[in-house]
Amino acid sequence: ASTDADADAVVTQVKNSPANITLNSQDVRDAVANYWSLRQRNLGRQRISMRFLTRGAIGKERMSKLGAENGLELWRRAAAGDAASGRLVADHLISQGGKDDFVKFLSQSAPEELRDKLFAGIEWAAEEPSLEAVKLSVSRLAVNTGNRQGTPPSVSSRAVPALLERCRRAAVERGPELRSLTVDDAQLCFESSTSLAIP
């Protein structure tokens, strides 16, 4: 996440499990609560957004008043501006309880405010690639970064373990604002793994 108080901040939360997710899943509920807390702590920022990455698919909630739709699909429609979907999801979240200020926001906000301050801020990225696919992606990133700098692939590949470790450390951070990586992070990691310091 950026440190400039006026800049956008993007947080990524990762669930490395093939289990389906729903609005009733504890990790989804925790992600929504984390996002709300992060927004409240960073009211001066232009925009705060979260990407929730999971290998699992979007499932259907049991015993809910959401109708035939999956709650997270309704969430996506609410983020795109569908007020009726937003009201259904807000009512479902109210039924789950939570912090008083969050429940008050859900019950008293107009559809546009729900969209702008909640639904449009969280992207549910389901059916993301496995760890093996991530390793392949990171390996390609290292080689491509090296190619742009004139570093041979055999040297660039030395950065792969460090890049993966940097991803792993970010994914397990407690605070959602710390679970993020930037292009600058990747570049620093690459350089420290492929350069030799000469005194």
C-alpha atoms as a PDB file:
ATOM      1  CA  ALA A   1       0.000   0.000   0.000  1.00  0.00           C
ATOM      2  CA  SER A   2       1.131   3.558  -0.698  1.00  0.00           C
ATOM      3  CA  THR A   3       2.187   5.773   2.211  1.00  0.00           C
ATOM      4  CA  ASP A   4       0.854   9.021   0.694  1.00  0.00           C
ATOM      5  CA  ALA A   5      -2.273   9.942   2.676  1.00  0.00           C
ATOM      6  CA  ASP A   6      -4.062  11.193  -0.462  1.00  0.00           C
ATOM      7  CA  ALA A   7      -3.128   8.247  -2.683  1.00  0.00           C
ATOM      8  CA  ASP A   8      -5.100   5.133  -3.481  1.00  0.00           C
ATOM      9  CA  ALA A   9      -4.343   2.027  -1.422  1.00  0.00           C
ATOM     10  CA  VAL A  10      -4.796  -1.522  -2.688  1.00  0.00           C
ATOM     11  CA  VAL A  11      -4.701  -4.434  -0.249  1.00  0.00           C
ATOM     12  CA  THR A  12      -4.626  -8.090  -1.272  1.00  0.00           C
ATOM     13  CA  GLN A  13      -5.870 -10.916   0.928  1.00  0.00           C
ATOM     14  CA  VAL A  14      -5.014 -14.473  -0.135  1.00  0.00           C
ATOM     15  CA  LYS A  15      -6.781 -17.716   0.727  1.00  0.00           C
ATOM     16  CA  ASN A  16      -4.718 -20.651  -0.539  1.00  0.00           C
ATOM     17  CA  SER A  17      -7.506 -23.223  -0.395  1.00  0.00           C
ATOM     18  CA  PRO A  18      -9.707 -24.850  -3.038  1.00  0.00           C
ATOM     19  CA  ALA A  19     -12.789 -24.565  -0.761  1.00  0.00           C
ATOM     20  CA  ASN A  20     -15.693 -22.518  -2.115  1.00  0.00           C
ATOM     21  CA  ILE A  21     -16.403 -19.106  -0.605  1.00  0.00           C
ATOM     22  CA  THR A  22     -19.749 -17.491   0.234  1.00  0.00           C
ATOM     23  CA  LEU A  23     -20.908 -14.451   2.185  1.00  0.00           C
ATOM     24  CA  ASN A  24     -21.258 -16.854   5.129  1.00  0.00           C
ATOM     25  CA  SER A  25     -17.627 -18.062   4.987  1.00  0.00           C
ATOM     26  CA  GLN A  26     -15.691 -16.888   8.031  1.00  0.00           C
ATOM     27  CA  ASP A  27     -12.729 -15.697   5.938  1.00  0.00           C
ATOM     28  CA  VAL A  28     -15.068 -13.654   3.702  1.00  0.00           C
ATOM     29  CA  ARG A  29     -16.756 -12.145   6.754  1.00  0.00           C
ATOM     30  CA  ASP A  30     -13.315 -11.362   8.212  1.00  0.00           C
ATOM     31  CA  ALA A  31     -12.223  -9.759   4.914  1.00  0.00           C
ATOM     32  CA  VAL A  32     -15.298  -7.486   4.892  1.00  0.00           C
ATOM     33  CA  ALA A  33     -14.674  -6.524   8.541  1.00  0.00           C
ATOM     34  CA  ASN A  34     -10.961  -5.896   7.813  1.00  0.00           C
ATOM     35  CA  TYR A  35     -11.841  -3.743   4.820  1.00  0.00           C
ATOM     36  CA  TRP A  36     -14.309  -1.673   6.857  1.00  0.00           C
ATOM     37  CA  SER A  37     -11.743  -1.177   9.654  1.00  0.00           C
ATOM     38  CA  LEU A  38      -9.090  -0.194   7.111  1.00  0.00           C
ATOM     39  CA  ARG A  39     -11.458   2.378   5.558  1.00  0.00           C
ATOM     40  CA  GLN A  40     -12.239   3.844   8.971  1.00  0.00           C
ATOM     41  CA  ARG A  41      -8.523   4.175   9.802  1.00  0.00           C
ATOM     42  CA  ASN A  42      -7.740   5.819   6.432  1.00  0.00           C
ATOM     43  CA  LEU A  43     -10.577   8.275   5.865  1.00  0.00           C
ATOM     44  CA  GLY A  44      -8.203  10.756   4.174  1.00  0.00           C
ATOM     45  CA  ARG A  45      -7.354   8.450   1.285  1.00  0.00           C
ATOM     46  CA  GLN A  46      -8.976   8.925  -2.098  1.00  0.00           C
ATOM     47  CA  ARG A  47      -9.775   5.231  -2.469  1.00  0.00           C
ATOM     48  CA  ILE A  48      -9.110   2.042  -0.531  1.00  0.00           C
ATOM     49  CA  SER A  49      -9.645  -1.261  -2.294  1.00  0.00           C
ATOM     50  CA  MET A  50      -9.128  -4.917  -1.460  1.00  0.00           C
ATOM     51  CA  ARG A  51      -8.623  -7.964  -3.662  1.00  0.00           C
ATOM     52  CA  PHE A  52      -9.581 -11.259  -2.056  1.00  0.00           C
ATOM     53  CA  LEU A  53      -7.778 -14.016  -3.974  1.00  0.00           C
ATOM     54  CA  THR A  54      -8.798 -17.643  -3.560  1.00  0.00           C
ATOM     55  CA  ARG A  55      -8.387 -20.905  -5.432  1.00  0.00           C
ATOM     56  CA  GLY A  56     -11.956 -21.803  -4.494  1.00  0.00           C
ATOM     57  CA  ALA A  57     -15.075 -20.958  -6.474  1.00  0.00           C
ATOM     58  CA  ILE A  58     -18.001 -18.784  -5.425  1.00  0.00           C
ATOM     59  CA  GLY A  59     -20.615 -20.957  -3.738  1.00  0.00           C
ATOM     60  CA  LYS A  60     -24.228 -20.563  -2.691  1.00  0.00           C
ATOM     61  CA  GLU A  61     -25.170 -19.507   0.840  1.00  0.00           C
ATOM     62  CA  ARG A  62     -27.291 -21.932   2.846  1.00  0.00           C
ATOM     63  CA  MET A  63     -30.354 -20.702   4.679  1.00  0.00           C
ATOM     64  CA  SER A  64     -30.299 -17.112   3.438  1.00  0.00           C
ATOM     65  CA  LYS A  65     -32.819 -14.639   2.052  1.00  0.00           C
ATOM     66  CA  LEU A  66     -30.708 -13.971  -1.031  1.00  0.00           C
ATOM     67  CA  GLY A  67     -32.923 -16.003  -3.328  1.00  0.00           C
ATOM     68  CA  ALA A  68     -31.451 -18.159  -6.066  1.00  0.00           C
ATOM     69  CA  GLU A  69     -28.388 -15.953  -6.477  1.00  0.00           C
ATOM     70  CA  ASN A  70     -24.954 -16.430  -4.932  1.00  0.00           C
ATOM     71  CA  GLY A  71     -24.254 -13.631  -2.455  1.00  0.00           C
ATOM     72  CA  LEU A  72     -20.869 -12.751  -3.948  1.00  0.00           C
ATOM     73  CA  GLU A  73     -22.374 -12.553  -7.448  1.00  0.00           C
ATOM     74  CA  LEU A  74     -24.968 -10.151  -6.019  1.00  0.00           C
ATOM     75  CA  TRP A  75     -22.039  -8.242  -4.466  1.00  0.00           C
ATOM     76  CA  ARG A  76     -20.442  -7.876  -7.921  1.00  0.00           C
ATOM     77  CA  ARG A  77     -23.730  -6.580  -9.359  1.00  0.00           C
ATOM     78  CA  ALA A  78     -24.051  -4.141  -6.451  1.00  0.00           C
ATOM     79  CA  ALA A  79     -20.509  -2.908  -7.161  1.00  0.00           C
ATOM     80  CA  ALA A  80     -21.591  -2.267 -10.759  1.00  0.00           C
ATOM     81  CA  GLY A  81     -24.517  -0.132  -9.548  1.00  0.00           C
ATOM     82  CA  ASP A  82     -27.466  -2.523  -9.114  1.00  0.00           C
ATOM     83  CA  ALA A  83     -29.253  -1.017  -6.085  1.00  0.00           C
ATOM     84  CA  ALA A  84     -31.588  -4.011  -5.530  1.00  0.00           C
ATOM     85  CA  SER A  85     -28.620  -6.413  -5.321  1.00  0.00           C
ATOM     86  CA  GLY A  86     -26.877  -4.034  -2.952  1.00  0.00           C
ATOM     87  CA  ARG A  87     -29.872  -3.922  -0.621  1.00  0.00           C
ATOM     88  CA  LEU A  88     -30.086  -7.733  -0.535  1.00  0.00           C
ATOM     89  CA  VAL A  89     -26.393  -8.052   0.338  1.00  0.00           C
ATOM     90  CA  ALA A  90     -26.538  -5.229   2.914  1.00  0.00           C
ATOM     91  CA  ASP A  91     -29.516  -6.879   4.635  1.00  0.00           C
ATOM     92  CA  HIS A  92     -27.676 -10.204   4.669  1.00  0.00           C
ATOM     93  CA  LEU A  93     -24.612  -8.567   6.231  1.00  0.00           C
ATOM     94  CA  ILE A  94     -26.818  -6.872   8.839  1.00  0.00           C
ATOM     95  CA  SER A  95     -28.245 -10.275   9.785  1.00  0.00           C
ATOM     96  CA  GLN A  96     -24.684 -11.494  10.450  1.00  0.00           C
ATOM     97  CA  GLY A  97     -24.048  -8.688  12.938  1.00  0.00           C
ATOM     98  CA  GLY A  98     -20.759  -6.898  13.393  1.00  0.00           C
ATOM     99  CA  LYS A  99     -19.485  -3.587  14.722  1.00  0.00           C
ATOM    100  CA  ASP A 100     -22.213  -1.077  15.527  1.00  0.00           C
ATOM    101  CA  ASP A 101     -20.867   1.563  13.131  1.00  0.00           C
ATOM    102  CA  PHE A 102     -20.763  -0.969  10.284  1.00  0.00           C
ATOM    103  CA  VAL A 103     -24.321  -2.201  10.898  1.00  0.00           C
ATOM    104  CA  LYS A 104     -25.511   1.429  11.115  1.00  0.00           C
ATOM    105  CA  PHE A 105     -23.772   2.219   7.810  1.00  0.00           C
ATOM    106  CA  LEU A 106     -25.426  -0.795   6.136  1.00  0.00           C
ATOM    107  CA  SER A 107     -28.897   0.042   7.404  1.00  0.00           C
ATOM    108  CA  GLN A 108     -28.876   3.818   6.856  1.00  0.00           C
ATOM    109  CA  SER A 109     -26.862   4.340   3.669  1.00  0.00           C
ATOM    110  CA  ALA A 110     -28.282   5.112   0.248  1.00  0.00           C
ATOM    111  CA  PRO A 111     -27.504   2.625  -2.573  1.00  0.00           C
ATOM    112  CA  GLU A 112     -24.829   4.914  -4.066  1.00  0.00           C
ATOM    113  CA  GLU A 113     -23.041   5.196  -0.730  1.00  0.00           C
ATOM    114  CA  LEU A 114     -23.160   1.422  -0.204  1.00  0.00           C
ATOM    115  CA  ARG A 115     -21.680   0.968  -3.661  1.00  0.00           C
ATOM    116  CA  ASP A 116     -18.950   3.609  -3.321  1.00  0.00           C
ATOM    117  CA  LYS A 117     -17.879   2.887   0.249  1.00  0.00           C
ATOM    118  CA  LEU A 118     -18.221  -0.892   0.353  1.00  0.00           C
ATOM    119  CA  PHE A 119     -19.251  -2.954  -2.676  1.00  0.00           C
ATOM    120  CA  ALA A 120     -16.963  -1.310  -5.250  1.00  0.00           C
ATOM    121  CA  GLY A 121     -14.059  -1.504  -2.801  1.00  0.00           C
ATOM    122  CA  ILE A 122     -13.732  -5.297  -2.595  1.00  0.00           C
ATOM    123  CA  GLU A 123     -13.021  -7.551  -5.568  1.00  0.00           C
ATOM    124  CA  TRP A 124     -13.707 -11.257  -5.070  1.00  0.00           C
ATOM    125  CA  ALA A 125     -11.191 -13.049  -7.316  1.00  0.00           C
ATOM    126  CA  ALA A 126     -12.217 -16.708  -7.190  1.00  0.00           C
ATOM    127  CA  GLU A 127     -10.710 -19.751  -8.909  1.00  0.00           C
ATOM    128  CA  GLU A 128      -7.252 -18.209  -8.932  1.00  0.00           C
ATOM    129  CA  PRO A 129      -4.248 -20.337  -9.925  1.00  0.00           C
ATOM    130  CA  SER A 130      -2.550 -22.934  -7.738  1.00  0.00           C
ATOM    131  CA  LEU A 131       0.800 -22.447  -6.014  1.00  0.00           C
ATOM    132  CA  GLU A 132       2.517 -24.203  -8.914  1.00  0.00           C
ATOM    133  CA  ALA A 133       1.024 -21.699 -11.371  1.00  0.00           C
ATOM    134  CA  VAL A 134       2.142 -18.838  -9.112  1.00  0.00           C
ATOM    135  CA  LYS A 135       5.695 -20.228  -9.076  1.00  0.00           C
ATOM    136  CA  LEU A 136       5.687 -20.379 -12.882  1.00  0.00           C
ATOM    137  CA  SER A 137       4.402 -16.784 -13.046  1.00  0.00           C
ATOM    138  CA  VAL A 138       7.075 -15.548 -10.644  1.00  0.00           C
ATOM    139  CA  SER A 139       9.745 -17.372 -12.630  1.00  0.00           C
ATOM    140  CA  ARG A 140       8.551 -15.657 -15.819  1.00  0.00           C
ATOM    141  CA  LEU A 141       8.470 -12.303 -14.009  1.00  0.00           C
ATOM    142  CA  ALA A 142      12.097 -12.765 -12.930  1.00  0.00           C
ATOM    143  CA  VAL A 143      13.277 -13.693 -16.430  1.00  0.00           C
ATOM    144  CA  ASN A 144      11.334 -10.819 -18.047  1.00  0.00           C
ATOM    145  CA  THR A 145      12.703  -8.351 -15.497  1.00  0.00           C
ATOM    146  CA  GLY A 146      16.197  -9.609 -16.203  1.00  0.00           C
ATOM    147  CA  ASN A 147      15.691  -9.383 -19.972  1.00  0.00           C
ATOM    148  CA  ARG A 148      14.756  -5.694 -19.674  1.00  0.00           C
ATOM    149  CA  GLN A 149      18.000  -5.072 -17.742  1.00  0.00           C
ATOM    150  CA  GLY A 150      20.262  -7.269 -19.850  1.00  0.00           C
ATOM    151  CA  THR A 151      20.572  -9.936 -17.125  1.00  0.00           C
ATOM    152  CA  PRO A 152      20.860 -13.526 -18.417  1.00  0.00           C
ATOM    153  CA  PRO A 153      18.007 -15.926 -17.473  1.00  0.00           C
ATOM    154  CA  SER A 154      20.426 -18.122 -15.496  1.00  0.00           C
ATOM    155  CA  VAL A 155      21.160 -15.142 -13.226  1.00  0.00           C
ATOM    156  CA  SER A 156      17.558 -13.872 -13.168  1.00  0.00           C
ATOM    157  CA  SER A 157      16.327 -17.255 -11.938  1.00  0.00           C
ATOM    158  CA  ARG A 158      18.291 -16.688  -8.696  1.00  0.00           C
ATOM    159  CA  ALA A 159      15.627 -14.130  -7.729  1.00  0.00           C
ATOM    160  CA  VAL A 160      12.726 -16.632  -7.843  1.00  0.00           C
ATOM    161  CA  PRO A 161      13.091 -18.038  -4.281  1.00  0.00           C
ATOM    162  CA  ALA A 162      13.395 -14.528  -2.815  1.00  0.00           C
ATOM    163  CA  LEU A 163      10.383 -13.260  -4.794  1.00  0.00           C
ATOM    164  CA  LEU A 164       8.278 -16.230  -3.667  1.00  0.00           C
ATOM    165  CA  GLU A 165       9.372 -15.724  -0.059  1.00  0.00           C
ATOM    166  CA  ARG A 166       8.441 -12.034  -0.295  1.00  0.00           C
ATOM    167  CA  CYS A 167       4.980 -13.061  -1.554  1.00  0.00           C
ATOM    168  CA  ARG A 168       4.623 -15.625   1.242  1.00  0.00           C
ATOM    169  CA  ARG A 169       5.580 -13.096   3.934  1.00  0.00           C
ATOM    170  CA  ALA A 170       3.087 -10.551   2.587  1.00  0.00           C
ATOM    171  CA  ALA A 171       0.300 -13.152   2.438  1.00  0.00           C
ATOM    172  CA  VAL A 172       0.597 -14.051   6.127  1.00  0.00           C
ATOM    173  CA  GLU A 173       0.821 -10.518   7.528  1.00  0.00           C
ATOM    174  CA  ARG A 174      -1.796  -9.843  10.222  1.00  0.00           C
ATOM    175  CA  GLY A 175      -2.802  -6.359   9.143  1.00  0.00           C
ATOM    176  CA  PRO A 176      -4.595  -6.123   5.778  1.00  0.00           C
ATOM    177  CA  GLU A 177      -2.638  -2.976   4.926  1.00  0.00           C
ATOM    178  CA  LEU A 178       0.582  -5.041   5.101  1.00  0.00           C
ATOM    179  CA  ARG A 179      -0.664  -7.801   2.775  1.00  0.00           C
ATOM    180  CA  SER A 180       0.374  -5.994  -0.380  1.00  0.00           C
ATOM    181  CA  LEU A 181       3.216  -5.951  -2.904  1.00  0.00           C
ATOM    182  CA  THR A 182       4.249  -3.279  -5.364  1.00  0.00           C
ATOM    183  CA  VAL A 183       6.329  -3.251  -8.532  1.00  0.00           C
ATOM    184  CA  ASP A 184       9.025  -1.469  -6.503  1.00  0.00           C
ATOM    185  CA  ASP A 185       9.016  -4.328  -3.966  1.00  0.00           C
ATOM    186  CA  ALA A 186       9.559  -6.848  -6.776  1.00  0.00           C
ATOM    187  CA  GLN A 187      12.342  -4.739  -8.322  1.00  0.00           C
ATOM    188  CA  LEU A 188      14.194  -4.387  -5.009  1.00  0.00           C
ATOM    189  CA  CYS A 189      13.870  -8.106  -4.339  1.00  0.00           C
ATOM    190  CA  PHE A 190      15.125  -8.913  -7.846  1.00  0.00           C
ATOM    191  CA  GLU A 191      18.124  -6.582  -7.565  1.00  0.00           C
ATOM    192  CA  SER A 192      19.165  -7.839  -4.136  1.00  0.00           C
ATOM    193  CA  SER A 193      19.054 -11.437  -5.402  1.00  0.00           C
ATOM    194  CA  THR A 194      20.910 -10.905  -8.671  1.00  0.00           C
ATOM    195  CA  SER A 195      23.466  -8.222  -7.781  1.00  0.00           C
ATOM    196  CA  LEU A 196      26.842  -8.623  -6.171  1.00  0.00           C
ATOM    197  CA  ALA A 197      27.856  -5.789  -3.831  1.00  0.00           C
ATOM    198  CA  ILE A 198      31.457  -4.681  -4.355  1.00  0.00           C
ATOM    199  CA  PRO A 199      33.074  -2.778  -1.467  1.00  0.00           C
END
